[in-house]
């Protein structure tokens, strides 16, 4: 449970850093790329084994970081586009609702058994995510923009499902740091290629402020993945329960941090979501 708690704390810190980007006017795209480079370096520092190219390419999971790295950058840009055309709430709901995908994967492919209380907890978690993420009168998406949140939902779910797949089928305990590092390294490379391909529309500002912003994001970003993989491996709970607890706890804790640090205001609907989040955590964790 400690690994799961550390993953939740790391992910919540990512939320805080993103909030501070607005305060200090940090260029998000630059910071995102620096963040991936930082996360890659952190993993290399924590890994005790050989890091030669041949050693890494000969692993059974070598292809995984390339695919996930491209997916990271793609989903980031889709989330940004969804936030712009459909609203931050829609992007947030689509991202967090995607926990359904790794949960279904765990049940169908890995034959994990869910108790009635766990199923109830997962359903309540989905409702809680919707209620907490929704601001204003409700969440509405124009039909012409519907494909964007659908792609964010699918992509975010595939990322989580991929983490479960590689943890289950390929990784040893020793390989977790280097695997996480390579995922972020490939994401950084994908980001640089994306910037190069769109250089006319993306003018990057490489300055100390943006670099520090990327470093501040990269360290918790690495540990959010690192501790999530460890939680899937060492936690007595099923992986379906781990993904549910991880997602709903991040939503709940990020909401509380927003209230305490950034003076955000919640509607009665949002508070109802927080209450359901607590109840879902109790059902999933205890039963």
Foldseek 3Di string as FASTA:
>chain_A
DVLLVLLLVLLLLLLVLVVVCVVVVADVLLLLLLLLLLLLVVLVVPADDDDDPVVLVPFPCNVVLLVLLLLVLVLVVLLVVCCVQFNNLLSQLLLLLLLVLLLVCCCPVVVDDDDPLLVVLLVLLSLLSLLQSADDPHGDDDPVCVVSSVCSNVSSNVSLNSLVVCLPPGDDLSCLSNSLSSNSVSNSVSSVVVCVVVVVPDPDDDDPVSSVSSNSNNVSVSSSSSSLSVCCVPPPAHNSLSSSLSSLSSSLVSSVCCCVPVVDDHDPSSVVSNVSSVSSNCSSVVD
